Amino acid sequence: MVRKKSFDVNADETNLISQIKEGKDDALVKLYQLYYPLVYSVKQKYYVRYYDDQDWNQDALIICHASAMNFDQSKGRFGSYYKTRLTNHAKTLVRYDSAYRRKAMNQSVSLDAAKEKGLEPIAKSVISPSEIPLSELLASLIASLSDLEISALLIELGIIDIEDALQKLKVERVTILRARSRVSRKMRHVLLD
């Protein structure tokens, strides 16, 4: 009769945990390898954006060490304790990643990825609402201006370059000059009348 070499997980596990508490790093690696299938299953169950295998393995190793240091054998088995801590950590990561304030980040696409997919960035308007003056008189003037006239005003104020405006608006230089003259006329009318 061939006798199989018996492997007592609990005795080996207990020995490794006591070595970890004594500060032996090789015991931590062995304990981690013993529970690697558990780590793999948690990795497969929870998706965290920007978390790769190295991040998961590092977190799992840190949690394995902390679990071994805090484990009390009188309260149960190490495997279930480690699984609970690792699963709770994964849930915390998912909760953090899914937080309301990070929703926009999760839905965003990098410019490099957009270029690879052939997507062009959305063209920003020449003026943003934060640049509109607060004075009611000036606000009414700006409200009466067309987009072309606003661009001409911004060129005149030196906020934007005329060449950039010509490219974005796809107009000729004479069109911008005419718009600038209309802006001057409207400014005189609103400010001086």
N, C-alpha and C. Protein backbone atom coordinates (compact mmCIF):
# COMPACT_ATOMS: atom_id res chain seq x y z
N MET A 1 0.84 -1.18 0.00
CA MET A 1 0.00 0.00 0.00
C MET A 1 0.89 1.24 0.00
N VAL A 2 0.58 2.16 -0.93
CA VAL A 2 1.35 3.40 -1.04
C VAL A 2 0.72 4.43 -0.14
N ARG A 3 1.51 5.00 0.67
CA ARG A 3 1.02 5.99 1.62
C ARG A 3 1.22 7.39 1.04
N LYS A 4 0.15 8.18 0.96
CA LYS A 4 0.24 9.55 0.46
C LYS A 4 0.74 10.46 1.56
N LYS A 5 1.50 11.39 1.13
CA LYS A 5 2.01 12.38 2.09
C LYS A 5 0.85 13.29 2.49
N SER A 6 0.50 13.30 3.73
CA SER A 6 -0.62 14.12 4.16
C SER A 6 -0.17 15.57 4.35
N PHE A 7 -1.06 16.44 4.03
CA PHE A 7 -0.76 17.86 4.15
C PHE A 7 -1.81 18.48 5.05
N ASP A 8 -1.41 18.89 6.21
CA ASP A 8 -2.33 19.47 7.17
C ASP A 8 -2.31 20.99 6.99
N VAL A 9 -3.36 21.52 6.34
CA VAL A 9 -3.43 22.95 6.04
C VAL A 9 -3.45 23.77 7.33
N ASN A 10 -4.22 23.34 8.29
CA ASN A 10 -4.34 24.11 9.53
C ASN A 10 -3.01 24.21 10.28
N ALA A 11 -2.27 23.09 10.36
CA ALA A 11 -0.99 23.11 11.08
C ALA A 11 0.02 23.97 10.33
N ASP A 12 0.06 23.82 9.01
CA ASP A 12 0.99 24.61 8.21
C ASP A 12 0.63 26.09 8.28
N GLU A 13 -0.67 26.36 8.20
CA GLU A 13 -1.17 27.73 8.28
C GLU A 13 -0.83 28.36 9.63
N THR A 14 -1.04 27.62 10.70
CA THR A 14 -0.74 28.10 12.06
C THR A 14 0.75 28.39 12.21
N ASN A 15 1.56 27.51 11.67
CA ASN A 15 3.01 27.69 11.71
C ASN A 15 3.42 28.94 10.94
N LEU A 16 2.86 29.13 9.76
CA LEU A 16 3.20 30.31 8.95
C LEU A 16 2.76 31.60 9.64
N ILE A 17 1.59 31.58 10.24
CA ILE A 17 1.08 32.78 10.93
C ILE A 17 1.98 33.14 12.11
N SER A 18 2.41 32.14 12.85
CA SER A 18 3.30 32.43 13.98
C SER A 18 4.66 32.96 13.49
N GLN A 19 5.15 32.44 12.35
CA GLN A 19 6.40 32.96 11.79
C GLN A 19 6.23 34.40 11.31
N ILE A 20 5.07 34.73 10.73
CA ILE A 20 4.81 36.10 10.28
C ILE A 20 4.80 37.04 11.47
N LYS A 21 4.20 36.61 12.56
CA LYS A 21 4.16 37.44 13.77
C LYS A 21 5.55 37.66 14.35
N GLU A 22 6.47 36.74 14.03
CA GLU A 22 7.87 36.89 14.46
C GLU A 22 8.67 37.76 13.49
N GLY A 23 8.06 38.12 12.36
CA GLY A 23 8.72 39.01 11.41
C GLY A 23 9.41 38.32 10.25
N LYS A 24 9.07 37.08 9.95
CA LYS A 24 9.71 36.37 8.84
C LYS A 24 8.92 36.59 7.55
N ASP A 25 9.57 37.26 6.60
CA ASP A 25 8.91 37.63 5.36
C ASP A 25 8.63 36.44 4.45
N ASP A 26 9.51 35.45 4.45
CA ASP A 26 9.30 34.30 3.58
C ASP A 26 8.03 33.53 3.97
N ALA A 27 7.68 33.56 5.23
CA ALA A 27 6.45 32.91 5.69
C ALA A 27 5.23 33.64 5.13
N LEU A 28 5.32 34.95 5.03
CA LEU A 28 4.22 35.74 4.46
C LEU A 28 4.00 35.36 3.00
N VAL A 29 5.09 35.23 2.26
CA VAL A 29 4.98 34.86 0.85
C VAL A 29 4.35 33.47 0.71
N LYS A 30 4.75 32.54 1.55
CA LYS A 30 4.19 31.18 1.51
C LYS A 30 2.70 31.18 1.85
N LEU A 31 2.32 31.96 2.87
CA LEU A 31 0.91 32.04 3.24
C LEU A 31 0.10 32.69 2.12
N TYR A 32 0.67 33.71 1.52
CA TYR A 32 -0.01 34.38 0.40
C TYR A 32 -0.19 33.40 -0.76
N GLN A 33 0.83 32.62 -1.06
CA GLN A 33 0.73 31.64 -2.16
C GLN A 33 -0.28 30.55 -1.83
N LEU A 34 -0.40 30.22 -0.57
CA LEU A 34 -1.37 29.22 -0.14
C LEU A 34 -2.80 29.71 -0.42
N TYR A 35 -3.01 31.00 -0.27
CA TYR A 35 -4.34 31.57 -0.46
C TYR A 35 -4.47 32.34 -1.77
N TYR A 36 -3.55 32.12 -2.71
CA TYR A 36 -3.64 32.83 -3.98
C TYR A 36 -4.93 32.52 -4.75
N PRO A 37 -5.44 31.29 -4.74
CA PRO A 37 -6.73 31.06 -5.43
C PRO A 37 -7.86 31.95 -4.89
N LEU A 38 -7.84 32.23 -3.60
CA LEU A 38 -8.82 33.14 -3.02
C LEU A 38 -8.63 34.55 -3.57
N VAL A 39 -7.38 34.99 -3.63
CA VAL A 39 -7.08 36.32 -4.16
C VAL A 39 -7.55 36.41 -5.61
N TYR A 40 -7.28 35.37 -6.39
CA TYR A 40 -7.67 35.34 -7.80
C TYR A 40 -9.18 35.44 -7.94
N SER A 41 -9.92 34.73 -7.11
CA SER A 41 -11.39 34.77 -7.22
C SER A 41 -11.94 36.14 -6.86
N VAL A 42 -11.35 36.81 -5.87
CA VAL A 42 -11.80 38.16 -5.52
C VAL A 42 -11.47 39.13 -6.66
N LYS A 43 -10.28 38.95 -7.26
CA LYS A 43 -9.89 39.79 -8.41
C LYS A 43 -10.89 39.66 -9.55
N GLN A 44 -11.34 38.44 -9.79
CA GLN A 44 -12.28 38.20 -10.89
C GLN A 44 -13.68 38.73 -10.58
N LYS A 45 -14.03 38.77 -9.33
CA LYS A 45 -15.38 39.16 -8.93
C LYS A 45 -15.59 40.68 -8.93
N TYR A 46 -14.56 41.44 -8.59
CA TYR A 46 -14.69 42.90 -8.46
C TYR A 46 -13.82 43.60 -9.48
N TYR A 47 -14.43 44.56 -10.19
CA TYR A 47 -13.69 45.35 -11.17
C TYR A 47 -13.48 46.76 -10.62
N VAL A 48 -12.25 47.18 -10.59
CA VAL A 48 -11.91 48.54 -10.18
C VAL A 48 -11.11 49.16 -11.32
N ARG A 49 -11.59 50.28 -11.82
CA ARG A 49 -10.92 50.95 -12.94
C ARG A 49 -9.50 51.33 -12.54
N TYR A 50 -8.58 51.15 -13.46
CA TYR A 50 -7.16 51.47 -13.30
C TYR A 50 -6.45 50.58 -12.28
N TYR A 51 -7.05 49.46 -11.90
CA TYR A 51 -6.40 48.51 -11.00
C TYR A 51 -5.94 47.32 -11.83
N ASP A 52 -4.66 47.07 -11.86
CA ASP A 52 -4.15 45.93 -12.61
C ASP A 52 -3.76 44.81 -11.64
N ASP A 53 -3.21 43.72 -12.19
CA ASP A 53 -2.85 42.56 -11.36
C ASP A 53 -1.85 42.91 -10.27
N GLN A 54 -0.89 43.77 -10.58
CA GLN A 54 0.11 44.14 -9.57
C GLN A 54 -0.53 44.87 -8.41
N ASP A 55 -1.47 45.76 -8.70
CA ASP A 55 -2.16 46.48 -7.62
C ASP A 55 -2.94 45.51 -6.73
N TRP A 56 -3.67 44.59 -7.38
CA TRP A 56 -4.44 43.60 -6.61
C TRP A 56 -3.52 42.74 -5.76
N ASN A 57 -2.42 42.26 -6.37
CA ASN A 57 -1.50 41.39 -5.63
C ASN A 57 -0.85 42.13 -4.46
N GLN A 58 -0.50 43.39 -4.68
CA GLN A 58 0.11 44.17 -3.60
C GLN A 58 -0.89 44.37 -2.46
N ASP A 59 -2.11 44.76 -2.79
CA ASP A 59 -3.12 44.96 -1.75
C ASP A 59 -3.41 43.64 -1.01
N ALA A 60 -3.50 42.56 -1.77
CA ALA A 60 -3.78 41.26 -1.16
C ALA A 60 -2.66 40.83 -0.22
N LEU A 61 -1.42 41.12 -0.61
CA LEU A 61 -0.28 40.77 0.24
C LEU A 61 -0.28 41.62 1.52
N ILE A 62 -0.58 42.88 1.38
CA ILE A 62 -0.65 43.77 2.56
C ILE A 62 -1.76 43.32 3.49
N ILE A 63 -2.92 42.98 2.93
CA ILE A 63 -4.04 42.52 3.75
C ILE A 63 -3.74 41.17 4.38
N CYS A 64 -3.01 40.31 3.65
CA CYS A 64 -2.60 39.02 4.21
C CYS A 64 -1.71 39.23 5.43
N HIS A 65 -0.78 40.16 5.32
CA HIS A 65 0.11 40.45 6.45
C HIS A 65 -0.67 41.00 7.65
N ALA A 66 -1.55 41.97 7.37
CA ALA A 66 -2.33 42.56 8.46
C ALA A 66 -3.26 41.52 9.09
N SER A 67 -3.82 40.67 8.25
CA SER A 67 -4.71 39.62 8.77
C SER A 67 -3.95 38.63 9.64
N ALA A 68 -2.76 38.26 9.20
CA ALA A 68 -1.95 37.32 9.99
C ALA A 68 -1.54 37.94 11.31
N MET A 69 -1.21 39.23 11.30
CA MET A 69 -0.80 39.90 12.53
C MET A 69 -1.96 40.02 13.53
N ASN A 70 -3.18 40.19 13.03
CA ASN A 70 -4.34 40.40 13.90
C ASN A 70 -5.14 39.14 14.17
N PHE A 71 -4.80 38.04 13.51
CA PHE A 71 -5.60 36.83 13.61
C PHE A 71 -5.52 36.19 14.99
N ASP A 72 -6.70 35.82 15.47
CA ASP A 72 -6.82 35.11 16.75
C ASP A 72 -7.41 33.73 16.46
N GLN A 73 -6.64 32.69 16.70
CA GLN A 73 -7.05 31.33 16.35
C GLN A 73 -8.29 30.87 17.10
N SER A 74 -8.56 31.45 18.23
CA SER A 74 -9.72 31.03 19.01
C SER A 74 -11.03 31.52 18.38
N LYS A 75 -10.93 32.43 17.42
CA LYS A 75 -12.15 33.01 16.83
C LYS A 75 -12.52 32.41 15.49
N GLY A 76 -11.80 31.41 15.00
CA GLY A 76 -12.18 30.79 13.73
C GLY A 76 -10.97 30.45 12.88
N ARG A 77 -11.25 30.24 11.58
CA ARG A 77 -10.20 29.85 10.65
C ARG A 77 -9.62 31.08 9.96
N PHE A 78 -8.35 30.99 9.64
CA PHE A 78 -7.68 32.12 9.00
C PHE A 78 -8.23 32.38 7.60
N GLY A 79 -8.55 31.32 6.87
CA GLY A 79 -9.03 31.47 5.49
C GLY A 79 -10.28 32.33 5.41
N SER A 80 -11.23 32.07 6.29
CA SER A 80 -12.47 32.85 6.27
C SER A 80 -12.22 34.29 6.73
N TYR A 81 -11.32 34.46 7.70
CA TYR A 81 -10.97 35.80 8.17
C TYR A 81 -10.31 36.61 7.05
N TYR A 82 -9.35 35.99 6.35
CA TYR A 82 -8.64 36.65 5.26
C TYR A 82 -9.60 36.96 4.11
N LYS A 83 -10.48 36.02 3.80
CA LYS A 83 -11.44 36.24 2.72
C LYS A 83 -12.35 37.43 3.03
N THR A 84 -12.82 37.51 4.25
CA THR A 84 -13.69 38.62 4.65
C THR A 84 -12.97 39.95 4.53
N ARG A 85 -11.74 40.01 5.02
CA ARG A 85 -10.97 41.27 4.94
C ARG A 85 -10.68 41.66 3.50
N LEU A 86 -10.31 40.68 2.68
CA LEU A 86 -9.99 40.96 1.28
C LEU A 86 -11.23 41.39 0.51
N THR A 87 -12.35 40.72 0.75
CA THR A 87 -13.60 41.08 0.09
C THR A 87 -14.07 42.47 0.52
N ASN A 88 -13.97 42.77 1.81
CA ASN A 88 -14.35 44.10 2.29
C ASN A 88 -13.47 45.18 1.67
N HIS A 89 -12.20 44.90 1.52
CA HIS A 89 -11.29 45.86 0.88
C HIS A 89 -11.70 46.08 -0.58
N ALA A 90 -12.02 45.00 -1.29
CA ALA A 90 -12.44 45.11 -2.68
C ALA A 90 -13.73 45.92 -2.79
N LYS A 91 -14.67 45.69 -1.88
CA LYS A 91 -15.92 46.46 -1.88
C LYS A 91 -15.66 47.94 -1.62
N THR A 92 -14.72 48.23 -0.73
CA THR A 92 -14.36 49.62 -0.45
C THR A 92 -13.77 50.28 -1.69
N LEU A 93 -12.92 49.56 -2.42
CA LEU A 93 -12.35 50.09 -3.65
C LEU A 93 -13.42 50.37 -4.69
N VAL A 94 -14.36 49.45 -4.84
CA VAL A 94 -15.45 49.64 -5.80
C VAL A 94 -16.33 50.80 -5.38
N ARG A 95 -16.63 50.90 -4.09
CA ARG A 95 -17.44 52.00 -3.58
C ARG A 95 -16.75 53.34 -3.83
N TYR A 96 -15.45 53.38 -3.58
CA TYR A 96 -14.68 54.61 -3.81
C TYR A 96 -14.68 54.97 -5.29
N ASP A 97 -14.50 53.97 -6.14
CA ASP A 97 -14.45 54.19 -7.58
C ASP A 97 -15.81 54.61 -8.13
N SER A 98 -16.88 54.15 -7.50
CA SER A 98 -18.23 54.43 -7.99
C SER A 98 -18.87 55.64 -7.33
N ALA A 99 -18.13 56.36 -6.53
CA ALA A 99 -18.69 57.51 -5.82
C ALA A 99 -19.23 58.53 -6.82
N TYR A 100 -20.24 59.24 -6.43
CA TYR A 100 -20.92 60.20 -7.29
C TYR A 100 -19.95 61.23 -7.87
N ARG A 101 -19.03 61.71 -7.06
CA ARG A 101 -18.13 62.76 -7.52
C ARG A 101 -17.10 62.25 -8.53
N ARG A 102 -16.96 60.92 -8.65
CA ARG A 102 -16.03 60.36 -9.63
C ARG A 102 -16.75 59.77 -10.84
N LYS A 103 -18.06 59.97 -10.95
CA LYS A 103 -18.82 59.43 -12.07
C LYS A 103 -18.30 60.00 -13.39
N ALA A 104 -18.05 61.28 -13.44
CA ALA A 104 -17.57 61.90 -14.68
C ALA A 104 -16.22 61.33 -15.08
N MET A 105 -15.36 61.08 -14.11
CA MET A 105 -14.04 60.52 -14.41
C MET A 105 -14.18 59.11 -14.99
N ASN A 106 -15.13 58.33 -14.47
CA ASN A 106 -15.32 56.97 -14.96
C ASN A 106 -15.85 56.95 -16.38
N GLN A 107 -16.58 57.98 -16.76
CA GLN A 107 -17.16 58.03 -18.10
C GLN A 107 -16.26 58.77 -19.08
N SER A 108 -15.18 59.33 -18.60
CA SER A 108 -14.30 60.11 -19.47
C SER A 108 -13.40 59.19 -20.30
N VAL A 109 -12.92 59.75 -21.40
CA VAL A 109 -12.01 59.05 -22.29
C VAL A 109 -10.80 59.94 -22.47
N SER A 110 -9.62 59.37 -22.39
CA SER A 110 -8.42 60.18 -22.55
C SER A 110 -8.33 60.70 -23.98
N LEU A 111 -7.62 61.80 -24.17
CA LEU A 111 -7.47 62.37 -25.51
C LEU A 111 -6.74 61.41 -26.44
N ASP A 112 -5.76 60.69 -25.90
CA ASP A 112 -5.03 59.72 -26.72
C ASP A 112 -5.95 58.61 -27.21
N ALA A 113 -6.79 58.09 -26.31
CA ALA A 113 -7.72 57.03 -26.70
C ALA A 113 -8.75 57.56 -27.70
N ALA A 114 -9.18 58.81 -27.52
CA ALA A 114 -10.14 59.40 -28.45
C ALA A 114 -9.52 59.55 -29.84
N LYS A 115 -8.26 59.96 -29.89
CA LYS A 115 -7.59 60.10 -31.19
C LYS A 115 -7.41 58.76 -31.87
N GLU A 116 -7.10 57.71 -31.08
CA GLU A 116 -6.95 56.37 -31.64
C GLU A 116 -8.26 55.86 -32.23
N LYS A 117 -9.38 56.25 -31.62
CA LYS A 117 -10.69 55.82 -32.11
C LYS A 117 -11.23 56.75 -33.19
N GLY A 118 -10.47 57.80 -33.51
CA GLY A 118 -10.89 58.73 -34.56
C GLY A 118 -11.88 59.78 -34.09
N LEU A 119 -12.00 59.97 -32.78
CA LEU A 119 -12.91 60.97 -32.24
C LEU A 119 -12.18 62.31 -32.12
N GLU A 120 -12.85 63.36 -32.49
CA GLU A 120 -12.29 64.69 -32.36
C GLU A 120 -12.87 65.35 -31.11
N PRO A 121 -12.07 66.15 -30.40
CA PRO A 121 -12.61 66.84 -29.23
C PRO A 121 -13.69 67.84 -29.64
N ILE A 122 -14.62 68.06 -28.74
CA ILE A 122 -15.69 69.01 -29.01
C ILE A 122 -15.09 70.41 -29.04
N ALA A 123 -15.44 71.16 -30.08
CA ALA A 123 -14.91 72.52 -30.21
C ALA A 123 -15.54 73.40 -29.14
N LYS A 124 -14.70 74.09 -28.41
CA LYS A 124 -15.16 74.98 -27.35
C LYS A 124 -15.54 76.31 -27.97
N SER A 125 -16.60 76.90 -27.47
CA SER A 125 -16.98 78.20 -28.00
C SER A 125 -15.89 79.21 -27.67
N VAL A 126 -15.87 80.28 -28.45
CA VAL A 126 -14.81 81.27 -28.33
C VAL A 126 -14.88 81.99 -26.98
N ILE A 127 -16.07 82.14 -26.42
CA ILE A 127 -16.22 82.84 -25.14
C ILE A 127 -16.96 81.95 -24.16
N SER A 128 -16.56 81.99 -22.94
CA SER A 128 -17.25 81.21 -21.92
C SER A 128 -18.06 82.16 -21.04
N PRO A 129 -19.09 81.65 -20.39
CA PRO A 129 -19.94 82.52 -19.56
C PRO A 129 -19.19 83.24 -18.45
N SER A 130 -18.09 82.67 -17.96
CA SER A 130 -17.38 83.32 -16.87
C SER A 130 -16.67 84.60 -17.33
N GLU A 131 -16.51 84.78 -18.66
CA GLU A 131 -15.84 85.97 -19.16
C GLU A 131 -16.80 87.13 -19.42
N ILE A 132 -18.10 86.90 -19.25
CA ILE A 132 -19.08 87.95 -19.50
C ILE A 132 -19.05 88.95 -18.35
N PRO A 133 -18.99 90.24 -18.66
CA PRO A 133 -18.94 91.25 -17.60
C PRO A 133 -20.21 91.25 -16.75
N LEU A 134 -20.07 91.73 -15.51
CA LEU A 134 -21.19 91.73 -14.59
C LEU A 134 -22.06 92.97 -14.73
N SER A 135 -21.52 94.01 -15.26
CA SER A 135 -22.30 95.24 -15.41
C SER A 135 -23.49 94.99 -16.32
N GLU A 136 -24.64 95.49 -15.94
CA GLU A 136 -25.84 95.28 -16.74
C GLU A 136 -25.73 95.93 -18.11
N LEU A 137 -25.11 97.07 -18.17
CA LEU A 137 -24.95 97.78 -19.43
C LEU A 137 -24.07 96.98 -20.39
N LEU A 138 -22.95 96.49 -19.87
CA LEU A 138 -22.07 95.69 -20.72
C LEU A 138 -22.69 94.34 -21.04
N ALA A 139 -23.43 93.80 -20.10
CA ALA A 139 -24.10 92.53 -20.34
C ALA A 139 -25.12 92.67 -21.46
N SER A 140 -25.85 93.77 -21.49
CA SER A 140 -26.82 93.98 -22.57
C SER A 140 -26.10 94.17 -23.91
N LEU A 141 -24.94 94.83 -23.88
CA LEU A 141 -24.15 94.98 -25.11
C LEU A 141 -23.73 93.62 -25.63
N ILE A 142 -23.19 92.80 -24.78
CA ILE A 142 -22.70 91.49 -25.20
C ILE A 142 -23.86 90.61 -25.65
N ALA A 143 -25.02 90.76 -25.04
CA ALA A 143 -26.18 89.98 -25.45
C ALA A 143 -26.63 90.36 -26.85
N SER A 144 -26.36 91.58 -27.25
CA SER A 144 -26.77 92.02 -28.59
C SER A 144 -25.77 91.63 -29.68
N LEU A 145 -24.61 91.12 -29.30
CA LEU A 145 -23.58 90.77 -30.28
C LEU A 145 -23.75 89.34 -30.79
N SER A 146 -23.43 89.14 -32.04
CA SER A 146 -23.43 87.79 -32.61
C SER A 146 -22.13 87.09 -32.22
N ASP A 147 -22.05 85.78 -32.49
CA ASP A 147 -20.82 85.03 -32.17
C ASP A 147 -19.62 85.61 -32.91
N LEU A 148 -19.83 85.99 -34.16
CA LEU A 148 -18.75 86.58 -34.95
C LEU A 148 -18.30 87.92 -34.34
N GLU A 149 -19.26 88.72 -33.91
CA GLU A 149 -18.93 90.01 -33.29
C GLU A 149 -18.23 89.82 -31.94
N ILE A 150 -18.63 88.82 -31.17
CA ILE A 150 -17.95 88.54 -29.91
C ILE A 150 -16.50 88.14 -30.17
N SER A 151 -16.31 87.33 -31.21
CA SER A 151 -14.94 86.94 -31.57
C SER A 151 -14.12 88.16 -31.97
N ALA A 152 -14.72 89.06 -32.74
CA ALA A 152 -14.03 90.28 -33.15
C ALA A 152 -13.67 91.13 -31.94
N LEU A 153 -14.57 91.22 -30.95
CA LEU A 153 -14.30 91.97 -29.73
C LEU A 153 -13.14 91.34 -28.95
N LEU A 154 -13.14 90.02 -28.84
CA LEU A 154 -12.07 89.34 -28.13
C LEU A 154 -10.73 89.50 -28.84
N ILE A 155 -10.75 89.54 -30.17
CA ILE A 155 -9.52 89.80 -30.92
C ILE A 155 -9.02 91.20 -30.61
N GLU A 156 -9.94 92.16 -30.62
CA GLU A 156 -9.58 93.55 -30.36
C GLU A 156 -9.02 93.73 -28.93
N LEU A 157 -9.55 92.97 -27.98
CA LEU A 157 -9.09 93.05 -26.60
C LEU A 157 -7.79 92.26 -26.38
N GLY A 158 -7.38 91.48 -27.39
CA GLY A 158 -6.15 90.71 -27.29
C GLY A 158 -6.31 89.40 -26.54
N ILE A 159 -7.54 88.96 -26.35
CA ILE A 159 -7.78 87.72 -25.62
C ILE A 159 -7.53 86.51 -26.51
N ILE A 160 -7.93 86.63 -27.78
CA ILE A 160 -7.66 85.55 -28.72
C ILE A 160 -6.89 86.09 -29.91
N ASP A 161 -6.20 85.21 -30.61
CA ASP A 161 -5.39 85.57 -31.77
C ASP A 161 -6.27 85.56 -33.02
N ILE A 162 -6.05 86.51 -33.92
CA ILE A 162 -6.89 86.61 -35.11
C ILE A 162 -6.77 85.38 -36.01
N GLU A 163 -5.57 84.82 -36.08
CA GLU A 163 -5.37 83.63 -36.93
C GLU A 163 -6.16 82.44 -36.39
N ASP A 164 -6.16 82.27 -35.07
CA ASP A 164 -6.94 81.18 -34.46
C ASP A 164 -8.43 81.38 -34.71
N ALA A 165 -8.89 82.60 -34.58
CA ALA A 165 -10.31 82.89 -34.80
C ALA A 165 -10.69 82.65 -36.25
N LEU A 166 -9.82 83.03 -37.19
CA LEU A 166 -10.11 82.80 -38.60
C LEU A 166 -10.24 81.31 -38.90
N GLN A 167 -9.38 80.50 -38.29
CA GLN A 167 -9.45 79.05 -38.51
C GLN A 167 -10.68 78.44 -37.86
N LYS A 168 -10.99 78.84 -36.63
CA LYS A 168 -12.13 78.26 -35.93
C LYS A 168 -13.45 78.67 -36.57
N LEU A 169 -13.55 79.94 -36.95
CA LEU A 169 -14.80 80.43 -37.51
C LEU A 169 -14.92 80.16 -39.00
N LYS A 170 -13.78 79.86 -39.66
CA LYS A 170 -13.74 79.59 -41.09
C LYS A 170 -14.30 80.77 -41.89
N VAL A 171 -13.78 81.95 -41.59
CA VAL A 171 -14.17 83.17 -42.30
C VAL A 171 -12.92 83.88 -42.80
N GLU A 172 -13.13 84.84 -43.67
CA GLU A 172 -12.01 85.63 -44.20
C GLU A 172 -11.72 86.79 -43.27
N ARG A 173 -10.56 87.37 -43.43
CA ARG A 173 -10.12 88.48 -42.58
C ARG A 173 -11.06 89.68 -42.71
N VAL A 174 -11.54 89.95 -43.90
CA VAL A 174 -12.42 91.11 -44.11
C VAL A 174 -13.72 90.95 -43.32
N THR A 175 -14.18 89.72 -43.15
CA THR A 175 -15.40 89.48 -42.37
C THR A 175 -15.19 89.86 -40.91
N ILE A 176 -14.02 89.52 -40.37
CA ILE A 176 -13.70 89.89 -38.99
C ILE A 176 -13.60 91.41 -38.86
N LEU A 177 -13.00 92.06 -39.84
CA LEU A 177 -12.86 93.53 -39.79
C LEU A 177 -14.23 94.20 -39.82
N ARG A 178 -15.13 93.67 -40.62
CA ARG A 178 -16.50 94.23 -40.66
C ARG A 178 -17.21 94.00 -39.32
N ALA A 179 -17.02 92.83 -38.76
CA ALA A 179 -17.64 92.53 -37.46
C ALA A 179 -17.09 93.46 -36.40
N ARG A 180 -15.78 93.76 -36.46
CA ARG A 180 -15.18 94.69 -35.50
C ARG A 180 -15.79 96.09 -35.63
N SER A 181 -16.06 96.52 -36.84
CA SER A 181 -16.67 97.83 -37.03
C SER A 181 -18.10 97.85 -36.50
N ARG A 182 -18.85 96.74 -36.66
CA ARG A 182 -20.21 96.66 -36.10
C ARG A 182 -20.17 96.69 -34.58
N VAL A 183 -19.16 96.05 -33.98
CA VAL A 183 -19.02 96.04 -32.53
C VAL A 183 -18.76 97.47 -32.04
N SER A 184 -17.90 98.20 -32.72
CA SER A 184 -17.61 99.59 -32.33
C SER A 184 -18.88 100.44 -32.39
N ARG A 185 -19.65 100.25 -33.45
CA ARG A 185 -20.89 101.02 -33.60
C ARG A 185 -21.87 100.68 -32.47
N LYS A 186 -22.02 99.39 -32.17
CA LYS A 186 -22.94 98.98 -31.10
C LYS A 186 -22.45 99.46 -29.74
N MET A 187 -21.14 99.45 -29.52
CA MET A 187 -20.59 99.94 -28.25
C MET A 187 -20.90 101.42 -28.07
N ARG A 188 -20.69 102.19 -29.12
CA ARG A 188 -21.01 103.63 -29.03
C ARG A 188 -22.49 103.84 -28.74
N HIS A 189 -23.32 103.07 -29.42
CA HIS A 189 -24.76 103.20 -29.23
C HIS A 189 -25.19 102.87 -27.80
N VAL A 190 -24.67 101.75 -27.24
CA VAL A 190 -25.08 101.30 -25.91
C VAL A 190 -24.41 102.14 -24.81
N LEU A 191 -23.15 102.46 -24.96
CA LEU A 191 -22.41 103.12 -23.89
C LEU A 191 -22.56 104.63 -23.89
N LEU A 192 -22.75 105.22 -25.06
CA LEU A 192 -22.78 106.68 -25.13
C LEU A 192 -24.18 107.26 -25.27
N ASP A 193 -25.16 106.45 -25.59
CA ASP A 193 -26.54 106.97 -25.74
C ASP A 193 -27.30 106.90 -24.44
